Amino acid sequence: MEQQLISWGDFEKIEVRTGTIIEVNDFANARKPAYQLTVDFGPLGIKKSSAQITHHYNKESLLNRQVVAVVNFPIKQIANFFSECLVLGVYDENNQVILLQPERKVANGMKIG
């Protein structure tokens, strides 16, 4: 697989921040099993995200979990839901998402670099 190189300036455009999941709901209208997440990014405010993470996580295990997300994508409509950020994860060997999260608790809204 050939990598496409980006410049440092390209990387600096991506706002990757920490946030805490404060609400989790089932996303019945999604094509693939997903949750609707509400994430608190501290000074950046509250943002919503659709996440296909139902394989490894139940709603209770997600509540109050810190995550890492891209917060400066344009809003994306998914069925009847408007996703405002992209919660990041790693695909496992079965193509199921495992969330990225800080090693220890940090303030919401902290920048990843």
PDB file of N, CA and C in Angstrom:
ATOM      1  N   MET A   1       0.847  -1.179   0.000  1.00  0.00           N
ATOM      2  CA  MET A   1       0.000   0.000   0.000  1.00  0.00           C
ATOM      3  C   MET A   1       0.892   1.242   0.000  1.00  0.00           C
ATOM      4  N   GLU A   2       0.694   2.090  -0.974  1.00  0.00           N
ATOM      5  CA  GLU A   2       1.499   3.291  -1.101  1.00  0.00           C
ATOM      6  C   GLU A   2       0.896   4.414  -0.260  1.00  0.00           C
ATOM      7  N   GLN A   3       1.742   5.075   0.528  1.00  0.00           N
ATOM      8  CA  GLN A   3       1.287   6.182   1.351  1.00  0.00           C
ATOM      9  C   GLN A   3       1.311   7.475   0.562  1.00  0.00           C
ATOM     10  N   GLN A   4       0.293   8.278   0.778  1.00  0.00           N
ATOM     11  CA  GLN A   4       0.281   9.612   0.195  1.00  0.00           C
ATOM     12  C   GLN A   4       0.818  10.569   1.260  1.00  0.00           C
ATOM     13  N   LEU A   5       1.906  11.249   0.952  1.00  0.00           N
ATOM     14  CA  LEU A   5       2.513  12.168   1.909  1.00  0.00           C
ATOM     15  C   LEU A   5       1.748  13.481   1.958  1.00  0.00           C
ATOM     16  N   ILE A   6       1.652  14.044   3.170  1.00  0.00           N
ATOM     17  CA  ILE A   6       1.031  15.348   3.356  1.00  0.00           C
ATOM     18  C   ILE A   6       2.087  16.287   3.944  1.00  0.00           C
ATOM     19  N   SER A   7       1.824  17.566   3.861  1.00  0.00           N
ATOM     20  CA  SER A   7       2.747  18.545   4.429  1.00  0.00           C
ATOM     21  C   SER A   7       2.398  18.773   5.899  1.00  0.00           C
ATOM     22  N   TRP A   8       3.329  19.379   6.631  1.00  0.00           N
ATOM     23  CA  TRP A   8       3.060  19.742   8.017  1.00  0.00           C
ATOM     24  C   TRP A   8       1.868  20.693   8.073  1.00  0.00           C
ATOM     25  N   GLY A   9       1.760  21.576   7.101  1.00  0.00           N
ATOM     26  CA  GLY A   9       0.631  22.508   7.037  1.00  0.00           C
ATOM     27  C   GLY A   9      -0.706  21.774   6.916  1.00  0.00           C
ATOM     28  N   ASP A  10      -0.726  20.682   6.131  1.00  0.00           N
ATOM     29  CA  ASP A  10      -1.945  19.874   6.027  1.00  0.00           C
ATOM     30  C   ASP A  10      -2.331  19.315   7.393  1.00  0.00           C
ATOM     31  N   PHE A  11      -1.346  18.766   8.110  1.00  0.00           N
ATOM     32  CA  PHE A  11      -1.604  18.179   9.431  1.00  0.00           C
ATOM     33  C   PHE A  11      -2.116  19.238  10.406  1.00  0.00           C
ATOM     34  N   GLU A  12      -1.536  20.431  10.358  1.00  0.00           N
ATOM     35  CA  GLU A  12      -1.937  21.489  11.289  1.00  0.00           C
ATOM     36  C   GLU A  12      -3.379  21.938  11.092  1.00  0.00           C
ATOM     37  N   LYS A  13      -3.965  21.675   9.933  1.00  0.00           N
ATOM     38  CA  LYS A  13      -5.357  22.049   9.666  1.00  0.00           C
ATOM     39  C   LYS A  13      -6.342  21.154  10.422  1.00  0.00           C
ATOM     40  N   ILE A  14      -5.908  19.958  10.803  1.00  0.00           N
ATOM     41  CA  ILE A  14      -6.797  18.993  11.454  1.00  0.00           C
ATOM     42  C   ILE A  14      -6.845  19.270  12.949  1.00  0.00           C
ATOM     43  N   GLU A  15      -8.032  19.557  13.452  1.00  0.00           N
ATOM     44  CA  GLU A  15      -8.231  19.813  14.878  1.00  0.00           C
ATOM     45  C   GLU A  15      -8.642  18.502  15.549  1.00  0.00           C
ATOM     46  N   VAL A  16      -7.686  17.839  16.178  1.00  0.00           N
ATOM     47  CA  VAL A  16      -7.958  16.594  16.907  1.00  0.00           C
ATOM     48  C   VAL A  16      -7.929  16.946  18.385  1.00  0.00           C
ATOM     49  N   ARG A  17      -9.041  16.691  19.064  1.00  0.00           N
ATOM     50  CA  ARG A  17      -9.215  17.127  20.450  1.00  0.00           C
ATOM     51  C   ARG A  17      -9.759  16.007  21.330  1.00  0.00           C
ATOM     52  N   THR A  18      -9.587  16.179  22.636  1.00  0.00           N
ATOM     53  CA  THR A  18     -10.157  15.234  23.602  1.00  0.00           C
ATOM     54  C   THR A  18     -11.546  15.707  24.012  1.00  0.00           C
ATOM     55  N   GLY A  19     -12.391  14.738  24.289  1.00  0.00           N
ATOM     56  CA  GLY A  19     -13.735  15.035  24.763  1.00  0.00           C
ATOM     57  C   GLY A  19     -14.255  13.887  25.606  1.00  0.00           C
ATOM     58  N   THR A  20     -15.318  14.133  26.338  1.00  0.00           N
ATOM     59  CA  THR A  20     -15.944  13.118  27.176  1.00  0.00           C
ATOM     60  C   THR A  20     -17.357  12.860  26.678  1.00  0.00           C
ATOM     61  N   ILE A  21     -17.689  11.593  26.492  1.00  0.00           N
ATOM     62  CA  ILE A  21     -19.030  11.207  26.051  1.00  0.00           C
ATOM     63  C   ILE A  21     -19.994  11.431  27.213  1.00  0.00           C
ATOM     64  N   ILE A  22     -21.011  12.262  26.991  1.00  0.00           N
ATOM     65  CA  ILE A  22     -21.967  12.579  28.056  1.00  0.00           C
ATOM     66  C   ILE A  22     -23.360  12.007  27.790  1.00  0.00           C
ATOM     67  N   GLU A  23     -23.572  11.503  26.571  1.00  0.00           N
ATOM     68  CA  GLU A  23     -24.867  10.885  26.254  1.00  0.00           C
ATOM     69  C   GLU A  23     -24.658   9.892  25.119  1.00  0.00           C
ATOM     70  N   VAL A  24     -25.363   8.739  25.211  1.00  0.00           N
ATOM     71  CA  VAL A  24     -25.282   7.690  24.192  1.00  0.00           C
ATOM     72  C   VAL A  24     -26.690   7.206  23.903  1.00  0.00           C
ATOM     73  N   ASN A  25     -27.053   7.198  22.609  1.00  0.00           N
ATOM     74  CA  ASN A  25     -28.361   6.703  22.194  1.00  0.00           C
ATOM     75  C   ASN A  25     -28.202   5.734  21.033  1.00  0.00           C
ATOM     76  N   ASP A  26     -29.119   4.782  20.948  1.00  0.00           N
ATOM     77  CA  ASP A  26     -29.149   3.895  19.786  1.00  0.00           C
ATOM     78  C   ASP A  26     -29.472   4.725  18.551  1.00  0.00           C
ATOM     79  N   PHE A  27     -28.919   4.319  17.404  1.00  0.00           N
ATOM     80  CA  PHE A  27     -29.175   5.015  16.140  1.00  0.00           C
ATOM     81  C   PHE A  27     -29.937   4.054  15.236  1.00  0.00           C
ATOM     82  N   ALA A  28     -31.241   4.005  15.437  1.00  0.00           N
ATOM     83  CA  ALA A  28     -32.094   3.047  14.736  1.00  0.00           C
ATOM     84  C   ALA A  28     -32.114   3.267  13.226  1.00  0.00           C
ATOM     85  N   ASN A  29     -31.943   4.491  12.750  1.00  0.00           N
ATOM     86  CA  ASN A  29     -32.025   4.781  11.319  1.00  0.00           C
ATOM     87  C   ASN A  29     -30.702   4.595  10.566  1.00  0.00           C
ATOM     88  N   ALA A  30     -29.647   4.230  11.258  1.00  0.00           N
ATOM     89  CA  ALA A  30     -28.354   4.013  10.592  1.00  0.00           C
ATOM     90  C   ALA A  30     -28.395   2.710   9.788  1.00  0.00           C
ATOM     91  N   ARG A  31     -27.665   2.691   8.658  1.00  0.00           N
ATOM     92  CA  ARG A  31     -27.599   1.478   7.831  1.00  0.00           C
ATOM     93  C   ARG A  31     -26.875   0.344   8.546  1.00  0.00           C
ATOM     94  N   LYS A  32     -25.796   0.690   9.248  1.00  0.00           N
ATOM     95  CA  LYS A  32     -25.035  -0.291  10.036  1.00  0.00           C
ATOM     96  C   LYS A  32     -25.242   0.050  11.502  1.00  0.00           C
ATOM     97  N   PRO A  33     -25.168  -0.948  12.398  1.00  0.00           N
ATOM     98  CA  PRO A  33     -25.374  -0.666  13.827  1.00  0.00           C
ATOM     99  C   PRO A  33     -24.453   0.463  14.307  1.00  0.00           C
ATOM    100  N   ALA A  34     -25.055   1.444  14.998  1.00  0.00           N
ATOM    101  CA  ALA A  34     -24.298   2.612  15.445  1.00  0.00           C
ATOM    102  C   ALA A  34     -24.970   3.232  16.660  1.00  0.00           C
ATOM    103  N   TYR A  35     -24.206   4.089  17.318  1.00  0.00           N
ATOM    104  CA  TYR A  35     -24.725   4.907  18.401  1.00  0.00           C
ATOM    105  C   TYR A  35     -24.665   6.369  17.988  1.00  0.00           C
ATOM    106  N   GLN A  36     -25.551   7.165  18.589  1.00  0.00           N
ATOM    107  CA  GLN A  36     -25.466   8.616  18.501  1.00  0.00           C
ATOM    108  C   GLN A  36     -24.807   9.077  19.802  1.00  0.00           C
ATOM    109  N   LEU A  37     -23.654   9.720  19.673  1.00  0.00           N
ATOM    110  CA  LEU A  37     -22.899  10.171  20.834  1.00  0.00           C
ATOM    111  C   LEU A  37     -23.019  11.681  20.981  1.00  0.00           C
ATOM    112  N   THR A  38     -23.084  12.141  22.211  1.00  0.00           N
ATOM    113  CA  THR A  38     -22.959  13.552  22.534  1.00  0.00           C
ATOM    114  C   THR A  38     -21.674  13.685  23.331  1.00  0.00           C
ATOM    115  N   VAL A  39     -20.761  14.542  22.839  1.00  0.00           N
ATOM    116  CA  VAL A  39     -19.419  14.631  23.409  1.00  0.00           C
ATOM    117  C   VAL A  39     -19.152  16.058  23.866  1.00  0.00           C
ATOM    118  N   ASP A  40     -18.650  16.185  25.097  1.00  0.00           N
ATOM    119  CA  ASP A  40     -18.296  17.483  25.677  1.00  0.00           C
ATOM    120  C   ASP A  40     -16.822  17.761  25.381  1.00  0.00           C
ATOM    121  N   PHE A  41     -16.559  18.818  24.594  1.00  0.00           N
ATOM    122  CA  PHE A  41     -15.203  19.225  24.259  1.00  0.00           C
ATOM    123  C   PHE A  41     -14.778  20.470  25.038  1.00  0.00           C
ATOM    124  N   GLY A  42     -15.319  20.652  26.228  1.00  0.00           N
ATOM    125  CA  GLY A  42     -14.919  21.765  27.089  1.00  0.00           C
ATOM    126  C   GLY A  42     -15.178  23.098  26.427  1.00  0.00           C
ATOM    127  N   PRO A  43     -14.128  23.932  26.268  1.00  0.00           N
ATOM    128  CA  PRO A  43     -14.325  25.271  25.704  1.00  0.00           C
ATOM    129  C   PRO A  43     -14.825  25.264  24.264  1.00  0.00           C
ATOM    130  N   LEU A  44     -14.700  24.136  23.567  1.00  0.00           N
ATOM    131  CA  LEU A  44     -15.192  24.042  22.179  1.00  0.00           C
ATOM    132  C   LEU A  44     -16.679  23.709  22.129  1.00  0.00           C
ATOM    133  N   GLY A  45     -17.267  23.366  23.269  1.00  0.00           N
ATOM    134  CA  GLY A  45     -18.693  23.085  23.341  1.00  0.00           C
ATOM    135  C   GLY A  45     -19.038  21.611  23.206  1.00  0.00           C
ATOM    136  N   ILE A  46     -20.314  21.367  23.032  1.00  0.00           N
ATOM    137  CA  ILE A  46     -20.886  20.025  22.916  1.00  0.00           C
ATOM    138  C   ILE A  46     -21.078  19.720  21.439  1.00  0.00           C
ATOM    139  N   LYS A  47     -20.658  18.525  21.009  1.00  0.00           N
ATOM    140  CA  LYS A  47     -20.825  18.110  19.616  1.00  0.00           C
ATOM    141  C   LYS A  47     -21.403  16.703  19.582  1.00  0.00           C
ATOM    142  N   LYS A  48     -22.098  16.409  18.488  1.00  0.00           N
ATOM    143  CA  LYS A  48     -22.702  15.092  18.298  1.00  0.00           C
ATOM    144  C   LYS A  48     -21.939  14.324  17.230  1.00  0.00           C
ATOM    145  N   SER A  49     -21.955  12.980  17.368  1.00  0.00           N
ATOM    146  CA  SER A  49     -21.271  12.123  16.408  1.00  0.00           C
ATOM    147  C   SER A  49     -22.011  10.801  16.287  1.00  0.00           C
ATOM    148  N   SER A  50     -22.019  10.266  15.086  1.00  0.00           N
ATOM    149  CA  SER A  50     -22.511   8.909  14.856  1.00  0.00           C
ATOM    150  C   SER A  50     -21.288   7.996  14.846  1.00  0.00           C
ATOM    151  N   ALA A  51     -21.367   6.884  15.571  1.00  0.00           N
ATOM    152  CA  ALA A  51     -20.200   6.001  15.668  1.00  0.00           C
ATOM    153  C   ALA A  51     -20.625   4.537  15.567  1.00  0.00           C
ATOM    154  N   GLN A  52     -19.998   3.831  14.638  1.00  0.00           N
ATOM    155  CA  GLN A  52     -20.257   2.393  14.453  1.00  0.00           C
ATOM    156  C   GLN A  52     -19.347   1.605  15.387  1.00  0.00           C
ATOM    157  N   ILE A  53     -19.679   1.647  16.672  1.00  0.00           N
ATOM    158  CA  ILE A  53     -18.827   1.034  17.695  1.00  0.00           C
ATOM    159  C   ILE A  53     -19.602   0.064  18.575  1.00  0.00           C
ATOM    160  N   THR A  54     -20.725  -0.452  18.061  1.00  0.00           N
ATOM    161  CA  THR A  54     -21.596  -1.309  18.873  1.00  0.00           C
ATOM    162  C   THR A  54     -21.013  -2.694  19.129  1.00  0.00           C
ATOM    163  N   HIS A  55     -20.026  -3.109  18.341  1.00  0.00           N
ATOM    164  CA  HIS A  55     -19.457  -4.459  18.519  1.00  0.00           C
ATOM    165  C   HIS A  55     -18.677  -4.571  19.835  1.00  0.00           C
ATOM    166  N   HIS A  56     -17.829  -3.601  20.115  1.00  0.00           N
ATOM    167  CA  HIS A  56     -16.964  -3.662  21.303  1.00  0.00           C
ATOM    168  C   HIS A  56     -17.502  -2.894  22.508  1.00  0.00           C
ATOM    169  N   TYR A  57     -18.533  -2.066  22.310  1.00  0.00           N
ATOM    170  CA  TYR A  57     -18.986  -1.187  23.396  1.00  0.00           C
ATOM    171  C   TYR A  57     -20.501  -1.232  23.542  1.00  0.00           C
ATOM    172  N   ASN A  58     -20.952  -1.229  24.804  1.00  0.00           N
ATOM    173  CA  ASN A  58     -22.383  -1.017  25.051  1.00  0.00           C
ATOM    174  C   ASN A  58     -22.544   0.422  25.538  1.00  0.00           C
ATOM    175  N   LYS A  59     -23.763   0.881  25.606  1.00  0.00           N
ATOM    176  CA  LYS A  59     -24.016   2.288  25.945  1.00  0.00           C
ATOM    177  C   LYS A  59     -23.445   2.656  27.313  1.00  0.00           C
ATOM    178  N   GLU A  60     -23.602   1.759  28.276  1.00  0.00           N
ATOM    179  CA  GLU A  60     -23.138   2.055  29.633  1.00  0.00           C
ATOM    180  C   GLU A  60     -21.620   2.207  29.694  1.00  0.00           C
ATOM    181  N   SER A  61     -20.896   1.407  28.916  1.00  0.00           N
ATOM    182  CA  SER A  61     -19.429   1.474  28.956  1.00  0.00           C
ATOM    183  C   SER A  61     -18.899   2.736  28.266  1.00  0.00           C
ATOM    184  N   LEU A  62     -19.712   3.376  27.453  1.00  0.00           N
ATOM    185  CA  LEU A  62     -19.279   4.582  26.736  1.00  0.00           C
ATOM    186  C   LEU A  62     -19.505   5.859  27.534  1.00  0.00           C
ATOM    187  N   LEU A  63     -20.505   5.847  28.392  1.00  0.00           N
ATOM    188  CA  LEU A  63     -20.846   7.044  29.154  1.00  0.00           C
ATOM    189  C   LEU A  63     -19.677   7.469  30.036  1.00  0.00           C
ATOM    190  N   ASN A  64     -19.297   8.730  29.952  1.00  0.00           N
ATOM    191  CA  ASN A  64     -18.196   9.341  30.710  1.00  0.00           C
ATOM    192  C   ASN A  64     -16.811   8.881  30.258  1.00  0.00           C
ATOM    193  N   ARG A  65     -16.707   8.213  29.123  1.00  0.00           N
ATOM    194  CA  ARG A  65     -15.418   7.787  28.575  1.00  0.00           C
ATOM    195  C   ARG A  65     -14.808   8.942  27.787  1.00  0.00           C
ATOM    196  N   GLN A  66     -13.516   9.177  27.989  1.00  0.00           N
ATOM    197  CA  GLN A  66     -12.828  10.177  27.176  1.00  0.00           C
ATOM    198  C   GLN A  66     -12.460   9.561  25.837  1.00  0.00           C
ATOM    199  N   VAL A  67     -12.578  10.368  24.786  1.00  0.00           N
ATOM    200  CA  VAL A  67     -12.273   9.935  23.422  1.00  0.00           C
ATOM    201  C   VAL A  67     -11.442  11.009  22.731  1.00  0.00           C
ATOM    202  N   VAL A  68     -10.956  10.660  21.553  1.00  0.00           N
ATOM    203  CA  VAL A  68     -10.207  11.566  20.700  1.00  0.00           C
ATOM    204  C   VAL A  68     -11.023  11.725  19.422  1.00  0.00           C
ATOM    205  N   ALA A  69     -11.192  12.966  18.952  1.00  0.00           N
ATOM    206  CA  ALA A  69     -12.045  13.194  17.786  1.00  0.00           C
ATOM    207  C   ALA A  69     -11.532  14.364  16.946  1.00  0.00           C
ATOM    208  N   VAL A  70     -11.845  14.307  15.652  1.00  0.00           N
ATOM    209  CA  VAL A  70     -11.618  15.441  14.752  1.00  0.00           C
ATOM    210  C   VAL A  70     -12.846  16.332  14.885  1.00  0.00           C
ATOM    211  N   VAL A  71     -12.614  17.614  15.216  1.00  0.00           N
ATOM    212  CA  VAL A  71     -13.740  18.506  15.503  1.00  0.00           C
ATOM    213  C   VAL A  71     -13.966  19.581  14.451  1.00  0.00           C
ATOM    214  N   ASN A  72     -13.164  19.589  13.381  1.00  0.00           N
ATOM    215  CA  ASN A  72     -13.337  20.658  12.388  1.00  0.00           C
ATOM    216  C   ASN A  72     -13.718  20.162  10.995  1.00  0.00           C
ATOM    217  N   PHE A  73     -14.416  19.040  10.931  1.00  0.00           N
ATOM    218  CA  PHE A  73     -15.043  18.631   9.679  1.00  0.00           C
ATOM    219  C   PHE A  73     -16.357  19.390   9.523  1.00  0.00           C
ATOM    220  N   PRO A  74     -16.828  19.590   8.287  1.00  0.00           N
ATOM    221  CA  PRO A  74     -18.175  20.143   8.140  1.00  0.00           C
ATOM    222  C   PRO A  74     -19.206  19.144   8.670  1.00  0.00           C
ATOM    223  N   ILE A  75     -20.355  19.637   9.067  1.00  0.00           N
ATOM    224  CA  ILE A  75     -21.429  18.764   9.554  1.00  0.00           C
ATOM    225  C   ILE A  75     -21.822  17.790   8.446  1.00  0.00           C
ATOM    226  N   LYS A  76     -22.021  16.525   8.827  1.00  0.00           N
ATOM    227  CA  LYS A  76     -22.392  15.484   7.868  1.00  0.00           C
ATOM    228  C   LYS A  76     -23.731  14.883   8.290  1.00  0.00           C
ATOM    229  N   GLN A  77     -24.687  14.864   7.357  1.00  0.00           N
ATOM    230  CA  GLN A  77     -25.983  14.266   7.655  1.00  0.00           C
ATOM    231  C   GLN A  77     -25.923  12.769   7.402  1.00  0.00           C
ATOM    232  N   ILE A  78     -26.324  12.002   8.408  1.00  0.00           N
ATOM    233  CA  ILE A  78     -26.398  10.547   8.314  1.00  0.00           C
ATOM    234  C   ILE A  78     -27.830  10.181   8.695  1.00  0.00           C
ATOM    235  N   ALA A  79     -28.611   9.769   7.696  1.00  0.00           N
ATOM    236  CA  ALA A  79     -30.052   9.538   7.885  1.00  0.00           C
ATOM    237  C   ALA A  79     -30.662  10.829   8.447  1.00  0.00           C
ATOM    238  N   ASN A  80     -31.304  10.755   9.607  1.00  0.00           N
ATOM    239  CA  ASN A  80     -31.967  11.920  10.202  1.00  0.00           C
ATOM    240  C   ASN A  80     -31.100  12.596  11.276  1.00  0.00           C
ATOM    241  N   PHE A  81     -29.799  12.331  11.261  1.00  0.00           N
ATOM    242  CA  PHE A  81     -28.887  12.798  12.310  1.00  0.00           C
ATOM    243  C   PHE A  81     -27.777  13.646  11.696  1.00  0.00           C
ATOM    244  N   PHE A  82     -27.351  14.686  12.406  1.00  0.00           N
ATOM    245  CA  PHE A  82     -26.283  15.553  11.928  1.00  0.00           C
ATOM    246  C   PHE A  82     -25.045  15.342  12.792  1.00  0.00           C
ATOM    247  N   SER A  83     -24.012  14.741  12.205  1.00  0.00           N
ATOM    248  CA  SER A  83     -22.767  14.443  12.898  1.00  0.00           C
ATOM    249  C   SER A  83     -21.837  15.647  12.790  1.00  0.00           C
ATOM    250  N   GLU A  84     -21.330  16.115  13.940  1.00  0.00           N
ATOM    251  CA  GLU A  84     -20.524  17.337  14.002  1.00  0.00           C
ATOM    252  C   GLU A  84     -19.042  17.082  14.245  1.00  0.00           C
ATOM    253  N   CYS A  85     -18.671  15.837  14.510  1.00  0.00           N
ATOM    254  CA  CYS A  85     -17.270  15.492  14.736  1.00  0.00           C
ATOM    255  C   CYS A  85     -17.071  14.021  14.392  1.00  0.00           C
ATOM    256  N   LEU A  86     -15.814  13.615  14.264  1.00  0.00           N
ATOM    257  CA  LEU A  86     -15.481  12.227  13.953  1.00  0.00           C
ATOM    258  C   LEU A  86     -14.684  11.647  15.111  1.00  0.00           C
ATOM    259  N   VAL A  87     -15.313  10.760  15.873  1.00  0.00           N
ATOM    260  CA  VAL A  87     -14.632  10.070  16.964  1.00  0.00           C
ATOM    261  C   VAL A  87     -13.692   9.051  16.332  1.00  0.00           C
ATOM    262  N   LEU A  88     -12.437   9.037  16.775  1.00  0.00           N
ATOM    263  CA  LEU A  88     -11.414   8.216  16.132  1.00  0.00           C
ATOM    264  C   LEU A  88     -11.236   6.862  16.807  1.00  0.00           C
ATOM    265  N   GLY A  89     -10.891   5.883  15.989  1.00  0.00           N
ATOM    266  CA  GLY A  89     -10.632   4.542  16.490  1.00  0.00           C
ATOM    267  C   GLY A  89      -9.756   3.769  15.527  1.00  0.00           C
ATOM    268  N   VAL A  90      -9.382   2.586  15.954  1.00  0.00           N
ATOM    269  CA  VAL A  90      -8.554   1.682  15.164  1.00  0.00           C
ATOM    270  C   VAL A  90      -9.433   0.502  14.752  1.00  0.00           C
ATOM    271  N   TYR A  91      -9.315   0.079  13.491  1.00  0.00           N
ATOM    272  CA  TYR A  91     -10.051  -1.103  13.046  1.00  0.00           C
ATOM    273  C   TYR A  91      -9.308  -2.356  13.492  1.00  0.00           C
ATOM    274  N   ASP A  92     -10.029  -3.283  14.133  1.00  0.00           N
ATOM    275  CA  ASP A  92      -9.406  -4.548  14.519  1.00  0.00           C
ATOM    276  C   ASP A  92      -9.395  -5.501  13.315  1.00  0.00           C
ATOM    277  N   GLU A  93      -8.955  -6.728  13.534  1.00  0.00           N
ATOM    278  CA  GLU A  93      -8.835  -7.706  12.447  1.00  0.00           C
ATOM    279  C   GLU A  93     -10.177  -8.069  11.811  1.00  0.00           C
ATOM    280  N   ASN A  94     -11.283  -7.764  12.488  1.00  0.00           N
ATOM    281  CA  ASN A  94     -12.626  -8.024  11.956  1.00  0.00           C
ATOM    282  C   ASN A  94     -13.302  -6.754  11.453  1.00  0.00           C
ATOM    283  N   ASN A  95     -12.516  -5.687  11.290  1.00  0.00           N
ATOM    284  CA  ASN A  95     -13.008  -4.402  10.804  1.00  0.00           C
ATOM    285  C   ASN A  95     -13.994  -3.737  11.775  1.00  0.00           C
ATOM    286  N   GLN A  96     -13.845  -4.029  13.061  1.00  0.00           N
ATOM    287  CA  GLN A  96     -14.650  -3.402  14.107  1.00  0.00           C
ATOM    288  C   GLN A  96     -13.798  -2.338  14.799  1.00  0.00           C
ATOM    289  N   VAL A  97     -14.419  -1.246  15.199  1.00  0.00           N
ATOM    290  CA  VAL A  97     -13.681  -0.094  15.723  1.00  0.00           C
ATOM    291  C   VAL A  97     -13.393  -0.232  17.216  1.00  0.00           C
ATOM    292  N   ILE A  98     -12.125   0.057  17.576  1.00  0.00           N
ATOM    293  CA  ILE A  98     -11.685   0.184  18.962  1.00  0.00           C
ATOM    294  C   ILE A  98     -11.297   1.649  19.143  1.00  0.00           C
ATOM    295  N   LEU A  99     -11.937   2.322  20.084  1.00  0.00           N
ATOM    296  CA  LEU A  99     -11.759   3.759  20.267  1.00  0.00           C
ATOM    297  C   LEU A  99     -10.349   4.142  20.694  1.00  0.00           C
ATOM    298  N   LEU A 100      -9.887   5.287  20.195  1.00  0.00           N
ATOM    299  CA  LEU A 100      -8.660   5.895  20.693  1.00  0.00           C
ATOM    300  C   LEU A 100      -9.038   6.744  21.897  1.00  0.00           C
ATOM    301  N   GLN A 101      -8.199   6.712  22.916  1.00  0.00           N
ATOM    302  CA  GLN A 101      -8.457   7.543  24.088  1.00  0.00           C
ATOM    303  C   GLN A 101      -7.140   7.891  24.765  1.00  0.00           C
ATOM    304  N   PRO A 102      -7.129   9.002  25.504  1.00  0.00           N
ATOM    305  CA  PRO A 102      -5.895   9.373  26.202  1.00  0.00           C
ATOM    306  C   PRO A 102      -5.507   8.298  27.214  1.00  0.00           C
ATOM    307  N   GLU A 103      -4.220   8.172  27.449  1.00  0.00           N
ATOM    308  CA  GLU A 103      -3.710   7.198  28.424  1.00  0.00           C
ATOM    309  C   GLU A 103      -4.165   7.541  29.841  1.00  0.00           C
ATOM    310  N   ARG A 104      -4.329   8.832  30.123  1.00  0.00           N
ATOM    311  CA  ARG A 104      -4.813   9.271  31.422  1.00  0.00           C
ATOM    312  C   ARG A 104      -5.782  10.434  31.223  1.00  0.00           C
ATOM    313  N   LYS A 105      -6.551  10.744  32.241  1.00  0.00           N
ATOM    314  CA  LYS A 105      -7.569  11.798  32.140  1.00  0.00           C
ATOM    315  C   LYS A 105      -6.906  13.143  31.857  1.00  0.00           C
ATOM    316  N   VAL A 106      -7.464  13.852  30.892  1.00  0.00           N
ATOM    317  CA  VAL A 106      -7.014  15.201  30.548  1.00  0.00           C
ATOM    318  C   VAL A 106      -8.256  16.088  30.428  1.00  0.00           C
ATOM    319  N   ALA A 107      -8.030  17.378  30.338  1.00  0.00           N
ATOM    320  CA  ALA A 107      -9.152  18.306  30.201  1.00  0.00           C
ATOM    321  C   ALA A 107      -9.813  18.124  28.835  1.00  0.00           C
ATOM    322  N   ASN A 108     -11.131  18.271  28.808  1.00  0.00           N
ATOM    323  CA  ASN A 108     -11.851  18.233  27.542  1.00  0.00           C
ATOM    324  C   ASN A 108     -11.412  19.399  26.667  1.00  0.00           C
ATOM    325  N   GLY A 109     -11.243  19.126  25.371  1.00  0.00           N
ATOM    326  CA  GLY A 109     -10.861  20.158  24.418  1.00  0.00           C
ATOM    327  C   GLY A 109      -9.368  20.257  24.177  1.00  0.00           C
ATOM    328  N   MET A 110      -8.566  19.453  24.892  1.00  0.00           N
ATOM    329  CA  MET A 110      -7.111  19.518  24.708  1.00  0.00           C
ATOM    330  C   MET A 110      -6.757  19.061  23.293  1.00  0.00           C
ATOM    331  N   LYS A 111      -5.774  19.732  22.686  1.00  0.00           N
ATOM    332  CA  LYS A 111      -5.369  19.449  21.311  1.00  0.00           C
ATOM    333  C   LYS A 111      -4.382  18.290  21.252  1.00  0.00           C
ATOM    334  N   ILE A 112      -4.575  17.421  20.282  1.00  0.00           N
ATOM    335  CA  ILE A 112      -3.665  16.308  20.040  1.00  0.00           C
ATOM    336  C   ILE A 112      -2.593  16.800  19.079  1.00  0.00           C
ATOM    337  N   GLY A 113      -1.356  16.461  19.338  1.00  0.00           N
ATOM    338  CA  GLY A 113      -0.284  16.910  18.455  1.00  0.00           C
ATOM    339  C   GLY A 113       0.872  15.951  18.451  1.00  0.00           C
TER     340      GLY A 113
END
